[in-house]
Amino acid sequence: MPNQNRTYRLLAVDDEPGMLTLYRDILGLSEGAAQDMADMLNGAPGPLPNGPQFQLDLFDDGREAVAAARQALREEKPYAVALVDVRLHSGPDGIWTAEHLRETDPDMEIVMVTAYADVTLEELNRRVPPPGKLLYLQKPFRAQELRQLAISLCNKWSTEQELHKLNSTLAQRVERRIGLQKQLEEQLRQAQKMEALGTLAGGIAHDFNNILGVIMGYSELIRETLPDDGNRRRVQEILRAGRRARDLINQILNFSRQGPQERKPLKLAPLIKEAMKLLRPSFPETVKVRLNMNASDDLALADPTQFHQIILNLCSNAAQAMGENGGQLTLGLADAGPDAPARLHDPRWYLHLSISDNGPGMDAATRARVFEPFFTTKPPDQGTGLGLSVVHGIVKSHEGVVLLESEPGLGTTFHVYLPRARAEAAAPQVALPTLQPGRGRVLVVDDEKPLVDIAREMLEGFGFQVTARTSSVEALEAFRFRPNDFDLVVTDYAMPNMTGVELAQELLTLRTDLPVILCTGFSDSISLERAQSMGICDVIKKPILKEKLVQSVSRLLEDDSPQT
């Protein structure tokens, strides 16, 4: 897979200063403090949250962009992706620019950006071939869509660069190189699959969470009006299903994210059970699954997505090994005992995960190579040989150990030892406070009217005065007209014309003491640390539940109230 810590060069061409600023804020803004943000505004490269870093060069003239691309090739520092506006009013238009960028650098990924439908995709494909390296992005777009698109295209470009390097040496050691080429082509296909999944996840996350917000929000409001009878229980089941749907979209986002490891205290038993619920339908009916969760304390220091990947790869391999004849798949979680490998300096600080099958087992030659990248005993169309090498890499990065126990005819067991989370590292469980009536004037902004209506009902039910707007531009005008009529603002992140971050920045120029809460349906759109560095007080993930919203509003208004 491409190096996620690499810096990629991107260029953007647009004659609107606001669009160039938007590109810089989305792709060039680091997750650091205010000083880092000031550096970003001067055009310095900054890391993309949870992914690779981008060096972004901005142009308002197509000829300058083409000249920069030529210079980049001469310096052997080519651009990976170009974002080109179709309509450029000064100088040559965007299609001319894209044609000459393609002539200059055939490997560059080009994205045509426009708010109009006056140029057809067929014409673009004809004038800027090949279609496989040309995309069309409609304005207005969401920040997470552009970010995910940039990550996916850079990964694709990087993989293709590696493939080109391989092709240039095919004349030597031909047979071996052909085998490696097939492996890299398979990696490219896998990268393209992840690109499609990532684009899908990023695109639907916001809308899906908005839909869930309507379902769960009204369910909460209805539940509070019902007596403790059958109907209340039925509404509670709707809420439970909504939470499972919310967790499912978060899992899809986690799998599509090209991000760094995020180790944290994590209970493994619930994650194992949830993973098996997702995997079980893909196993043949003849495969029986048994869980033995016997650890005295299952709190480990692990990355949840990568741990999920360990379970996915090892269990899928076990089920495939047993085949249609089936057998027994056993997952065990226990304290590391005296039989733990000697390389563990103190077994008491490790958990022991075992995954066993009673399939055909492995001979000594297979056991010796099983963790090698690209080694597989499966037919070419059934595996890449990367699964166990990925497991080995994840366990090693977690400062753990993975061992193999297998004999022909006696099945296979993988033993994974992961470090525990020390007790002081675990966040204490704090009981949620009882919601109390509050006071204050709140401005709620979201381009989805049902979500505005739900937030209004939730907050008004606890005594707050609510003004609602479905347009960020209208909300800004209302605030400018009477800035002292509002004590707090709750705003959606992804909105047309002006994002929630942009709205917050405008509001804070009018009232520096204004508490602002940002709501987002996409987990990577903005972190709490970055939001706070811009003056935003809190970030709430969608779908928004009443307890979280009311608690956040109450806390901020209480913190902002004058002390007596």
Protein backbone atom coordinates (compact mmCIF):
# COMPACT_ATOMS: atom_id res chain seq x y z
CA MET A 1 0.00 0.00 0.00
CA PRO A 2 1.19 3.62 -0.57
CA ASN A 3 3.14 5.35 2.16
CA GLN A 4 0.60 7.30 4.26
CA ASN A 5 3.30 9.63 5.62
CA ARG A 6 4.38 10.80 2.16
CA THR A 7 3.98 14.38 0.98
CA TYR A 8 2.19 14.72 -2.39
CA ARG A 9 2.28 17.77 -4.64
CA LEU A 10 -1.10 19.17 -5.79
CA LEU A 11 -1.95 22.18 -7.94
CA ALA A 12 -5.27 24.02 -8.09
CA VAL A 13 -6.37 26.46 -10.82
CA ASP A 14 -9.30 28.82 -10.25
CA ASP A 15 -9.76 32.53 -10.93
CA GLU A 16 -11.95 32.99 -7.83
CA PRO A 17 -9.82 33.86 -4.75
CA GLY A 18 -12.47 32.34 -2.50
CA MET A 19 -12.14 28.94 -4.16
CA LEU A 20 -8.35 29.00 -3.87
CA THR A 21 -8.74 29.85 -0.19
CA LEU A 22 -11.19 26.94 0.20
CA TYR A 23 -8.72 24.52 -1.41
CA ARG A 24 -5.98 25.76 0.90
CA ASP A 25 -8.18 25.42 4.00
CA ILE A 26 -9.35 21.91 3.11
CA LEU A 27 -6.12 20.41 1.77
CA GLY A 28 -3.36 22.58 3.18
CA LEU A 29 -4.53 23.21 6.76
CA SER A 30 -2.74 21.34 9.53
CA GLU A 31 -4.28 20.12 12.73
CA GLY A 32 -1.97 22.27 14.83
CA ALA A 33 -2.39 25.47 16.77
CA ALA A 34 -3.12 28.97 15.55
CA GLN A 35 0.47 29.65 14.49
CA ASP A 36 0.41 26.58 12.27
CA MET A 37 -2.84 27.83 10.81
CA ALA A 38 -1.24 31.17 10.00
CA ASP A 39 1.55 29.33 8.19
CA MET A 40 -1.07 27.47 6.18
CA LEU A 41 -2.65 30.76 5.11
CA ASN A 42 0.72 31.74 3.65
CA GLY A 43 0.71 28.67 1.45
CA ALA A 44 3.02 26.41 3.48
CA PRO A 45 2.32 22.68 3.27
CA GLY A 46 0.48 21.10 6.18
CA PRO A 47 -0.49 17.57 7.17
CA LEU A 48 -3.89 16.27 6.21
CA PRO A 49 -5.67 14.94 9.33
CA ASN A 50 -5.54 11.12 9.41
CA GLY A 51 -3.72 10.74 6.09
CA PRO A 52 -0.85 11.87 3.85
CA GLN A 53 0.51 15.41 3.66
CA PHE A 54 -0.07 17.75 0.74
CA GLN A 55 2.02 20.55 -0.75
CA LEU A 56 -0.56 22.71 -2.51
CA ASP A 57 0.32 25.27 -5.21
CA LEU A 58 -2.44 27.72 -6.22
CA PHE A 59 -2.85 29.48 -9.59
CA ASP A 60 -5.44 31.83 -11.08
CA ASP A 61 -4.08 31.49 -14.64
CA GLY A 62 -3.88 28.25 -16.64
CA ARG A 63 -0.63 29.17 -18.39
CA GLU A 64 1.14 29.61 -15.08
CA ALA A 65 -0.13 26.22 -13.91
CA VAL A 66 1.16 24.47 -17.07
CA ALA A 67 4.55 26.18 -16.68
CA ALA A 68 4.72 25.01 -13.05
CA ALA A 69 3.92 21.43 -14.09
CA ARG A 70 6.77 21.50 -16.64
CA GLN A 71 9.19 22.85 -14.05
CA ALA A 72 8.08 20.17 -11.57
CA LEU A 73 8.94 17.44 -14.09
CA ARG A 74 12.35 18.98 -14.77
CA GLU A 75 13.03 18.91 -11.03
CA GLU A 76 11.70 15.32 -10.83
CA LYS A 77 9.07 16.47 -8.32
CA PRO A 78 5.87 15.97 -10.36
CA TYR A 79 2.38 16.91 -9.28
CA ALA A 80 0.12 13.99 -8.40
CA VAL A 81 -3.25 15.76 -8.80
CA ALA A 82 -4.51 18.91 -10.55
CA LEU A 83 -7.84 20.58 -9.63
CA VAL A 84 -8.90 22.75 -12.59
CA ASP A 85 -11.94 25.02 -12.81
CA VAL A 86 -13.67 24.65 -16.20
CA ARG A 87 -14.42 28.38 -16.49
CA LEU A 88 -11.37 30.64 -16.26
CA HIS A 89 -12.30 34.16 -17.29
CA SER A 90 -8.78 35.51 -17.68
CA GLY A 91 -6.48 33.76 -20.15
CA PRO A 92 -7.16 30.28 -21.52
CA ASP A 93 -10.07 28.31 -20.11
CA GLY A 94 -9.90 25.24 -17.92
CA ILE A 95 -10.20 22.72 -20.74
CA TRP A 96 -7.18 24.26 -22.52
CA THR A 97 -5.32 24.12 -19.22
CA ALA A 98 -6.23 20.46 -18.66
CA GLU A 99 -5.21 19.53 -22.24
CA HIS A 100 -1.77 21.08 -21.80
CA LEU A 101 -1.32 19.61 -18.32
CA ARG A 102 -2.04 16.18 -19.80
CA GLU A 103 0.45 16.79 -22.65
CA THR A 104 3.04 17.92 -20.10
CA ASP A 105 2.55 15.08 -17.62
CA PRO A 106 0.51 12.06 -18.81
CA ASP A 107 0.60 10.50 -15.31
CA MET A 108 -1.11 13.43 -13.56
CA GLU A 109 -4.62 12.83 -12.13
CA ILE A 110 -6.86 15.69 -13.30
CA VAL A 111 -10.13 16.77 -11.66
CA MET A 112 -12.33 19.22 -13.59
CA VAL A 113 -14.33 21.41 -11.17
CA THR A 114 -17.38 23.42 -12.23
CA ALA A 115 -20.68 24.77 -10.96
CA TYR A 116 -22.19 24.57 -14.45
CA ALA A 117 -23.27 21.75 -16.73
CA ASP A 118 -22.28 23.48 -19.99
CA VAL A 119 -19.42 21.04 -20.71
CA THR A 120 -20.36 17.39 -21.11
CA LEU A 121 -18.34 14.54 -19.71
CA GLU A 122 -18.04 13.13 -23.25
CA GLU A 123 -16.35 16.30 -24.47
CA LEU A 124 -13.96 16.31 -21.51
CA ASN A 125 -13.02 12.68 -22.12
CA ARG A 126 -12.41 13.42 -25.80
CA ARG A 127 -10.22 16.46 -25.21
CA VAL A 128 -8.39 15.31 -22.07
CA PRO A 129 -7.80 11.56 -22.42
CA PRO A 130 -7.58 9.00 -20.97
CA PRO A 131 -10.93 8.84 -19.10
CA GLY A 132 -9.33 6.73 -16.37
CA LYS A 133 -7.21 9.71 -15.23
CA LEU A 134 -9.93 12.37 -15.45
CA LEU A 135 -12.69 13.08 -12.94
CA TYR A 136 -15.50 15.64 -12.86
CA LEU A 137 -16.39 17.38 -9.55
CA GLN A 138 -19.53 19.49 -9.26
CA LYS A 139 -19.60 22.68 -7.18
CA PRO A 140 -20.55 23.12 -4.39
CA PHE A 141 -18.76 20.14 -2.87
CA ARG A 142 -18.29 19.06 0.72
CA ALA A 143 -14.91 19.33 2.40
CA GLN A 144 -14.80 15.62 3.22
CA GLU A 145 -15.58 14.71 -0.40
CA LEU A 146 -12.63 16.73 -1.69
CA ARG A 147 -10.35 15.44 1.07
CA GLN A 148 -11.23 11.79 0.44
CA LEU A 149 -10.91 12.31 -3.32
CA ALA A 150 -7.43 13.77 -2.89
CA ILE A 151 -6.32 10.87 -0.66
CA SER A 152 -7.68 8.26 -3.07
CA LEU A 153 -6.19 9.85 -6.19
CA CYS A 154 -2.78 10.30 -4.54
CA ASN A 155 -2.81 6.66 -3.46
CA LYS A 156 -3.74 5.61 -6.98
CA TRP A 157 -1.06 7.86 -8.50
CA SER A 158 1.56 6.50 -6.10
CA THR A 159 0.67 2.89 -6.89
CA GLU A 160 0.82 3.60 -10.62
CA GLN A 161 4.23 5.23 -10.20
CA GLU A 162 5.49 2.07 -8.55
CA LEU A 163 3.97 0.04 -11.37
CA HIS A 164 5.72 2.23 -13.96
CA LYS A 165 9.06 1.71 -12.22
CA LEU A 166 8.52 -2.02 -12.34
CA ASN A 167 7.59 -1.96 -16.03
CA SER A 168 10.81 -0.09 -16.86
CA THR A 169 12.95 -3.03 -15.62
CA LEU A 170 10.96 -5.92 -17.09
CA ALA A 171 13.76 -6.65 -19.58
CA GLN A 172 15.92 -8.15 -16.75
CA ARG A 173 14.90 -11.23 -14.77
CA VAL A 174 11.71 -11.33 -16.84
CA GLU A 175 9.92 -14.21 -15.17
CA ARG A 176 10.42 -12.87 -11.66
CA ARG A 177 9.44 -9.36 -12.66
CA ILE A 178 6.28 -10.55 -14.37
CA GLY A 179 5.25 -12.25 -11.14
CA LEU A 180 5.87 -9.05 -9.16
CA GLN A 181 3.96 -7.03 -11.74
CA LYS A 182 0.91 -9.22 -11.24
CA GLN A 183 1.18 -8.67 -7.52
CA LEU A 184 1.39 -4.90 -7.95
CA GLU A 185 -1.54 -4.95 -10.36
CA GLU A 186 -3.51 -6.76 -7.70
CA GLN A 187 -2.46 -4.09 -5.20
CA LEU A 188 -3.68 -1.45 -7.67
CA ARG A 189 -7.02 -3.20 -7.98
CA GLN A 190 -7.25 -3.37 -4.19
CA ALA A 191 -6.34 0.33 -3.97
CA GLN A 192 -9.06 1.14 -6.48
CA LYS A 193 -11.56 -0.87 -4.46
CA MET A 194 -10.58 1.06 -1.34
CA GLU A 195 -10.82 4.28 -3.34
CA ALA A 196 -14.39 3.41 -4.32
CA LEU A 197 -15.28 2.44 -0.75
CA GLY A 198 -13.67 5.56 0.67
CA THR A 199 -15.44 7.85 -1.79
CA LEU A 200 -18.75 6.10 -1.10
CA ALA A 201 -18.27 6.31 2.66
CA GLY A 202 -17.28 9.96 2.62
CA GLY A 203 -20.12 10.84 0.29
CA ILE A 204 -22.91 9.11 2.18
CA ALA A 205 -21.76 9.68 5.77
CA HIS A 206 -23.16 13.20 6.08
CA ASP A 207 -26.51 12.45 4.41
CA PHE A 208 -26.88 9.11 6.17
CA ASN A 209 -26.28 10.64 9.58
CA ASN A 210 -28.76 13.41 8.77
CA ILE A 211 -31.39 10.76 8.01
CA LEU A 212 -30.53 8.96 11.23
CA GLY A 213 -30.75 12.28 13.04
CA VAL A 214 -34.37 12.72 11.94
CA ILE A 215 -35.30 9.14 12.90
CA MET A 216 -33.53 9.14 16.25
CA GLY A 217 -34.38 12.74 17.13
CA TYR A 218 -38.12 12.35 16.68
CA SER A 219 -37.97 8.93 18.37
CA GLU A 220 -36.44 10.56 21.45
CA LEU A 221 -39.08 13.28 21.47
CA ILE A 222 -41.90 10.74 21.10
CA ARG A 223 -40.44 8.49 23.81
CA GLU A 224 -40.59 11.32 26.36
CA THR A 225 -44.35 11.74 25.79
CA LEU A 226 -45.24 8.06 26.24
CA PRO A 227 -46.06 6.22 29.44
CA ASP A 228 -43.96 3.24 30.40
CA ASP A 229 -45.89 0.78 28.22
CA GLY A 230 -45.48 -1.25 25.04
CA ASN A 231 -45.30 1.76 22.76
CA ARG A 232 -42.44 3.25 24.76
CA ARG A 233 -40.58 -0.05 24.46
CA ARG A 234 -41.15 -0.08 20.69
CA VAL A 235 -39.77 3.44 20.34
CA GLN A 236 -36.79 2.39 22.44
CA GLU A 237 -36.14 -0.42 19.91
CA ILE A 238 -36.18 2.16 17.11
CA LEU A 239 -33.53 4.14 18.96
CA ARG A 240 -31.45 1.02 19.56
CA ALA A 241 -31.58 0.17 15.84
CA GLY A 242 -30.62 3.76 15.02
CA ARG A 243 -27.55 3.52 17.25
CA ARG A 244 -26.52 0.29 15.50
CA ALA A 245 -26.90 2.03 12.15
CA ARG A 246 -24.77 4.92 13.44
CA ASP A 247 -22.09 2.48 14.60
CA LEU A 248 -22.18 0.72 11.23
CA ILE A 249 -21.51 3.92 9.27
CA ASN A 250 -18.65 4.69 11.66
CA GLN A 251 -17.15 1.27 10.92
CA ILE A 252 -17.36 1.93 7.18
CA LEU A 253 -15.65 5.28 7.68
CA ASN A 254 -12.94 3.68 9.80
CA PHE A 255 -12.21 1.01 7.18
CA SER A 256 -12.02 3.62 4.41
CA ARG A 257 -9.83 6.04 6.36
CA GLN A 258 -6.18 6.13 5.32
CA GLY A 259 -5.03 7.24 8.71
CA PRO A 260 -2.35 6.59 11.29
CA GLN A 261 -2.60 4.21 14.21
CA GLU A 262 -4.68 5.50 17.11
CA ARG A 263 -3.93 3.27 20.09
CA LYS A 264 -6.13 3.79 23.10
CA PRO A 265 -7.56 1.76 26.01
CA LEU A 266 -10.00 -0.64 24.38
CA LYS A 267 -12.13 -3.52 25.69
CA LEU A 268 -11.48 -6.42 23.30
CA ALA A 269 -14.34 -8.82 24.13
CA PRO A 270 -17.17 -6.55 22.86
CA LEU A 271 -15.17 -5.75 19.72
CA ILE A 272 -14.59 -9.46 19.02
CA LYS A 273 -18.30 -10.19 19.41
CA GLU A 274 -19.27 -7.29 17.14
CA ALA A 275 -16.72 -8.37 14.51
CA MET A 276 -18.10 -11.90 14.49
CA LYS A 277 -21.64 -10.59 13.99
CA LEU A 278 -20.41 -8.91 10.82
CA LEU A 279 -18.31 -11.87 9.63
CA ARG A 280 -20.65 -14.76 10.46
CA PRO A 281 -22.99 -14.31 7.43
CA SER A 282 -19.99 -14.69 5.09
CA PHE A 283 -19.02 -18.13 6.48
CA PRO A 284 -20.48 -21.39 5.14
CA GLU A 285 -23.25 -22.86 7.28
CA THR A 286 -20.96 -25.80 8.01
CA VAL A 287 -18.54 -23.57 9.94
CA LYS A 288 -19.42 -23.43 13.62
CA VAL A 289 -18.15 -20.54 15.75
CA ARG A 290 -17.31 -20.71 19.45
CA LEU A 291 -16.23 -17.79 21.65
CA ASN A 292 -14.27 -18.34 24.88
CA MET A 293 -13.89 -14.95 26.56
CA ASN A 294 -12.05 -15.77 29.81
CA ALA A 295 -9.77 -12.77 30.42
CA SER A 296 -9.97 -11.33 33.92
CA ASP A 297 -9.63 -7.85 32.41
CA ASP A 298 -9.93 -7.40 28.62
CA LEU A 299 -8.71 -3.79 28.48
CA ALA A 300 -5.89 -3.55 25.88
CA LEU A 301 -3.94 -0.68 24.35
CA ALA A 302 -4.94 -1.02 20.70
CA ASP A 303 -6.22 0.70 17.57
CA PRO A 304 -9.87 -0.42 17.14
CA THR A 305 -9.78 -0.45 13.34
CA GLN A 306 -6.52 -2.38 13.17
CA PHE A 307 -7.66 -4.87 15.82
CA HIS A 308 -10.80 -5.38 13.76
CA GLN A 309 -8.53 -6.11 10.79
CA ILE A 310 -6.66 -8.78 12.77
CA ILE A 311 -9.95 -10.55 13.51
CA LEU A 312 -11.14 -10.17 9.92
CA ASN A 313 -7.98 -11.63 8.34
CA LEU A 314 -7.39 -14.51 10.75
CA CYS A 315 -11.03 -15.63 10.90
CA SER A 316 -11.52 -15.37 7.13
CA ASN A 317 -8.37 -17.45 6.57
CA ALA A 318 -9.58 -20.06 9.07
CA ALA A 319 -13.03 -20.33 7.44
CA GLN A 320 -11.49 -20.63 3.96
CA ALA A 321 -9.05 -23.28 5.17
CA MET A 322 -11.90 -25.46 6.43
CA GLY A 323 -13.75 -24.97 3.15
CA GLU A 324 -17.24 -26.21 2.36
CA ASN A 325 -16.75 -29.27 4.58
CA GLY A 326 -16.73 -26.87 7.51
CA GLY A 327 -15.49 -27.40 11.01
CA GLN A 328 -14.99 -25.55 14.28
CA LEU A 329 -13.68 -21.95 14.49
CA THR A 330 -12.77 -21.01 18.05
CA LEU A 331 -11.85 -17.55 19.32
CA GLY A 332 -10.37 -17.30 22.78
CA LEU A 333 -9.40 -14.30 24.89
CA ALA A 334 -7.49 -14.97 28.11
CA ASP A 335 -4.76 -13.65 30.36
CA ALA A 336 -1.28 -14.43 29.06
CA GLY A 337 -0.06 -17.39 31.11
CA PRO A 338 3.25 -19.11 31.85
CA ASP A 339 3.27 -20.63 28.36
CA ALA A 340 3.54 -17.15 26.80
CA PRO A 341 6.60 -16.58 24.58
CA ALA A 342 9.81 -15.72 26.39
CA ARG A 343 10.21 -12.47 24.45
CA LEU A 344 7.34 -10.95 26.48
CA HIS A 345 9.19 -9.24 29.31
CA ASP A 346 6.24 -9.67 31.69
CA PRO A 347 3.26 -11.84 30.59
CA ARG A 348 1.05 -10.26 33.25
CA TRP A 349 0.87 -7.15 31.09
CA TYR A 350 -0.41 -8.99 27.99
CA LEU A 351 -3.69 -10.41 26.74
CA HIS A 352 -3.75 -13.65 24.75
CA LEU A 353 -6.03 -13.84 21.68
CA SER A 354 -6.22 -17.27 20.01
CA ILE A 355 -7.98 -18.15 16.76
CA SER A 356 -8.16 -21.88 15.99
CA ASP A 357 -9.58 -24.03 13.21
CA ASN A 358 -9.63 -27.78 12.60
CA GLY A 359 -8.81 -27.46 8.92
CA PRO A 360 -6.02 -29.28 7.02
CA GLY A 361 -3.15 -27.56 8.84
CA MET A 362 0.24 -26.56 7.39
CA ASP A 363 3.52 -28.33 6.74
CA ALA A 364 6.90 -26.94 7.83
CA ALA A 365 7.65 -25.28 4.48
CA THR A 366 4.36 -23.37 4.55
CA ARG A 367 4.76 -22.37 8.21
CA ALA A 368 8.18 -20.92 7.42
CA ARG A 369 6.77 -18.53 4.79
CA VAL A 370 3.26 -17.83 6.03
CA PHE A 371 3.99 -14.21 7.14
CA GLU A 372 5.86 -13.29 3.93
CA PRO A 373 4.16 -10.60 1.80
CA PHE A 374 2.47 -12.06 -1.29
CA PHE A 375 2.98 -15.68 -0.17
CA THR A 376 -0.26 -17.65 -0.54
CA THR A 377 -1.39 -21.22 -1.05
CA LYS A 378 -4.69 -20.07 -2.55
CA PRO A 379 -5.50 -19.90 -6.27
CA PRO A 380 -4.62 -16.52 -7.92
CA ASP A 381 -8.23 -15.33 -7.90
CA GLN A 382 -8.81 -16.11 -4.23
CA GLY A 383 -6.11 -14.22 -2.37
CA THR A 384 -3.28 -11.70 -2.55
CA GLY A 385 -0.99 -13.19 0.09
CA LEU A 386 -1.08 -9.95 2.08
CA GLY A 387 -3.50 -10.83 4.89
CA LEU A 388 -1.10 -12.52 7.32
CA SER A 389 1.73 -10.09 6.59
CA VAL A 390 -0.70 -7.28 7.48
CA VAL A 391 -1.59 -9.07 10.73
CA HIS A 392 2.11 -9.50 11.56
CA GLY A 393 2.77 -5.80 10.88
CA ILE A 394 -0.17 -4.63 13.01
CA VAL A 395 0.78 -6.84 15.96
CA LYS A 396 4.42 -5.74 15.77
CA SER A 397 3.41 -2.06 15.66
CA HIS A 398 1.34 -2.70 18.81
CA GLU A 399 4.47 -4.04 20.56
CA GLY A 400 2.90 -7.48 20.59
CA VAL A 401 3.74 -10.95 19.32
CA VAL A 402 1.98 -13.31 16.89
CA LEU A 403 2.83 -17.03 16.80
CA LEU A 404 1.65 -19.90 14.61
CA GLU A 405 0.88 -23.43 15.75
CA SER A 406 -0.04 -25.88 12.98
CA GLU A 407 0.54 -29.45 11.80
CA PRO A 408 -0.83 -31.29 8.72
CA GLY A 409 -4.16 -32.83 9.60
CA LEU A 410 -4.28 -31.20 13.05
CA GLY A 411 -5.61 -27.74 12.23
CA THR A 412 -4.12 -24.31 12.88
CA THR A 413 -4.00 -21.87 15.79
CA PHE A 414 -2.73 -18.29 15.71
CA HIS A 415 -1.68 -16.86 19.07
CA VAL A 416 -1.72 -13.06 19.32
CA TYR A 417 -0.33 -11.32 22.40
CA LEU A 418 -1.25 -7.64 22.83
CA PRO A 419 -0.24 -5.28 25.67
CA ARG A 420 -2.82 -4.41 28.26
CA ALA A 421 -3.82 -0.84 29.00
CA ARG A 422 -2.67 0.07 32.47
CA ALA A 423 -5.47 0.97 34.83
CA GLU A 424 -4.47 4.61 35.08
CA ALA A 425 -4.66 4.94 31.27
CA ALA A 426 -8.34 4.08 31.15
CA ALA A 427 -10.75 6.97 31.23
CA PRO A 428 -12.99 6.81 34.30
CA GLN A 429 -16.65 6.09 33.73
CA VAL A 430 -18.66 9.15 34.70
CA ALA A 431 -22.40 8.94 35.18
CA LEU A 432 -24.31 11.26 32.89
CA PRO A 433 -25.85 14.17 34.80
CA THR A 434 -29.61 14.56 34.93
CA LEU A 435 -30.72 17.09 32.37
CA GLN A 436 -32.04 20.25 33.99
CA PRO A 437 -34.08 23.11 32.50
CA GLY A 438 -31.92 25.92 31.21
CA ARG A 439 -32.15 29.49 29.99
CA GLY A 440 -30.62 31.20 27.02
CA ARG A 441 -31.16 32.32 23.43
CA VAL A 442 -29.83 29.84 20.87
CA LEU A 443 -29.41 30.25 17.10
CA VAL A 444 -29.61 26.85 15.33
CA VAL A 445 -28.32 26.58 11.72
CA ASP A 446 -28.63 23.52 9.45
CA ASP A 447 -29.53 23.25 5.77
CA GLU A 448 -31.78 20.24 6.60
CA LYS A 449 -35.11 21.64 7.89
CA PRO A 450 -36.14 18.46 9.78
CA LEU A 451 -32.90 18.60 11.78
CA VAL A 452 -33.47 22.28 12.60
CA ASP A 453 -37.01 21.45 13.77
CA ILE A 454 -35.75 18.57 15.95
CA ALA A 455 -33.04 20.69 17.57
CA ARG A 456 -35.61 23.43 18.22
CA GLU A 457 -37.97 20.99 19.97
CA MET A 458 -35.15 19.43 22.00
CA LEU A 459 -33.85 22.77 23.25
CA GLU A 460 -37.24 24.45 23.73
CA GLY A 461 -38.32 21.45 25.78
CA PHE A 462 -35.62 22.43 28.28
CA GLY A 463 -36.50 26.11 28.41
CA PHE A 464 -34.15 27.59 25.80
CA GLN A 465 -35.34 30.21 23.32
CA VAL A 466 -34.50 29.02 19.81
CA THR A 467 -34.16 30.88 16.51
CA ALA A 468 -33.70 28.55 13.52
CA ARG A 469 -32.21 29.14 10.06
CA THR A 470 -31.72 26.70 7.17
CA SER A 471 -29.15 28.90 5.41
CA SER A 472 -25.76 29.87 6.80
CA VAL A 473 -25.89 33.12 4.81
CA GLU A 474 -29.29 34.03 6.27
CA ALA A 475 -28.07 33.11 9.75
CA LEU A 476 -25.08 35.44 9.39
CA GLU A 477 -27.34 38.30 8.25
CA ALA A 478 -29.71 37.72 11.19
CA PHE A 479 -26.78 37.81 13.60
CA ARG A 480 -25.31 40.94 12.04
CA PHE A 481 -28.66 42.67 12.41
CA ARG A 482 -28.98 41.88 16.14
CA PRO A 483 -25.75 40.33 17.45
CA ASN A 484 -26.73 40.67 21.11
CA ASP A 485 -29.99 38.72 20.69
CA PHE A 486 -28.17 35.37 20.84
CA ASP A 487 -26.25 33.70 23.67
CA LEU A 488 -24.99 30.68 21.70
CA VAL A 489 -24.94 29.26 18.15
CA VAL A 490 -25.31 25.62 17.06
CA THR A 491 -24.31 25.13 13.42
CA ASP A 492 -23.93 22.26 10.98
CA TYR A 493 -20.47 21.81 9.40
CA ALA A 494 -21.28 20.89 5.77
CA MET A 495 -23.60 23.50 4.24
CA PRO A 496 -23.73 25.11 0.79
CA ASN A 497 -22.36 28.64 0.20
CA MET A 498 -20.72 28.88 3.62
CA THR A 499 -19.55 26.00 5.82
CA GLY A 500 -20.13 25.92 9.54
CA VAL A 501 -16.46 26.75 10.18
CA GLU A 502 -16.66 29.77 7.89
CA LEU A 503 -19.89 30.89 9.56
CA ALA A 504 -18.33 30.51 13.00
CA GLN A 505 -15.32 32.59 12.00
CA GLU A 506 -17.58 35.36 10.68
CA LEU A 507 -19.70 35.31 13.84
CA LEU A 508 -16.64 35.44 16.08
CA THR A 509 -15.42 38.57 14.32
CA LEU A 510 -18.69 40.19 15.39
CA ARG A 511 -18.77 38.73 18.91
CA THR A 512 -15.49 37.32 20.18
CA ASP A 513 -17.17 35.94 23.33
CA LEU A 514 -19.85 33.96 21.44
CA PRO A 515 -20.00 30.22 22.29
CA VAL A 516 -20.30 28.15 19.07
CA ILE A 517 -21.06 24.42 18.77
CA LEU A 518 -20.21 22.67 15.47
CA CYS A 519 -22.15 19.56 14.36
CA THR A 520 -20.70 17.14 11.80
CA GLY A 521 -21.71 13.85 10.24
CA PHE A 522 -18.24 12.95 8.99
CA SER A 523 -15.70 11.81 11.59
CA ASP A 524 -12.63 13.26 9.83
CA SER A 525 -14.08 16.63 8.83
CA ILE A 526 -12.70 18.51 11.84
CA SER A 527 -11.25 17.55 15.22
CA LEU A 528 -12.16 19.17 18.53
CA GLU A 529 -8.59 20.44 18.91
CA ARG A 530 -8.62 22.15 15.51
CA ALA A 531 -12.08 23.60 16.15
CA GLN A 532 -11.03 24.99 19.52
CA SER A 533 -7.96 26.59 17.95
CA MET A 534 -10.38 28.57 15.77
CA GLY A 535 -12.55 29.67 18.69
CA ILE A 536 -15.26 26.98 18.40
CA CYS A 537 -16.17 25.59 21.82
CA ASP A 538 -17.44 22.08 21.08
CA VAL A 539 -17.88 19.54 18.26
CA ILE A 540 -20.87 17.17 18.29
CA LYS A 541 -20.97 14.13 16.01
CA LYS A 542 -24.18 13.44 14.13
CA PRO A 543 -26.71 11.96 14.58
CA ILE A 544 -27.29 14.36 17.46
CA LEU A 545 -28.97 12.93 20.54
CA LYS A 546 -30.86 15.09 22.98
CA GLU A 547 -28.63 14.40 26.00
CA LYS A 548 -25.47 15.42 24.16
CA LEU A 549 -26.98 18.58 22.66
CA VAL A 550 -28.66 19.82 25.84
CA GLN A 551 -25.61 19.04 27.99
CA SER A 552 -23.26 20.89 25.65
CA VAL A 553 -25.53 23.95 25.38
CA SER A 554 -26.17 24.04 29.13
CA ARG A 555 -22.49 23.69 30.00
CA LEU A 556 -21.37 26.44 27.63
CA LEU A 557 -24.10 28.84 28.70
CA GLU A 558 -23.33 28.14 32.36
CA ASP A 559 -19.60 28.70 31.75
CA ASP A 560 -20.40 31.92 29.90
CA SER A 561 -22.76 33.31 32.54
CA PRO A 562 -21.50 36.19 34.74
CA GLN A 563 -20.14 35.09 38.11
CA THR A 564 -21.83 36.47 41.23
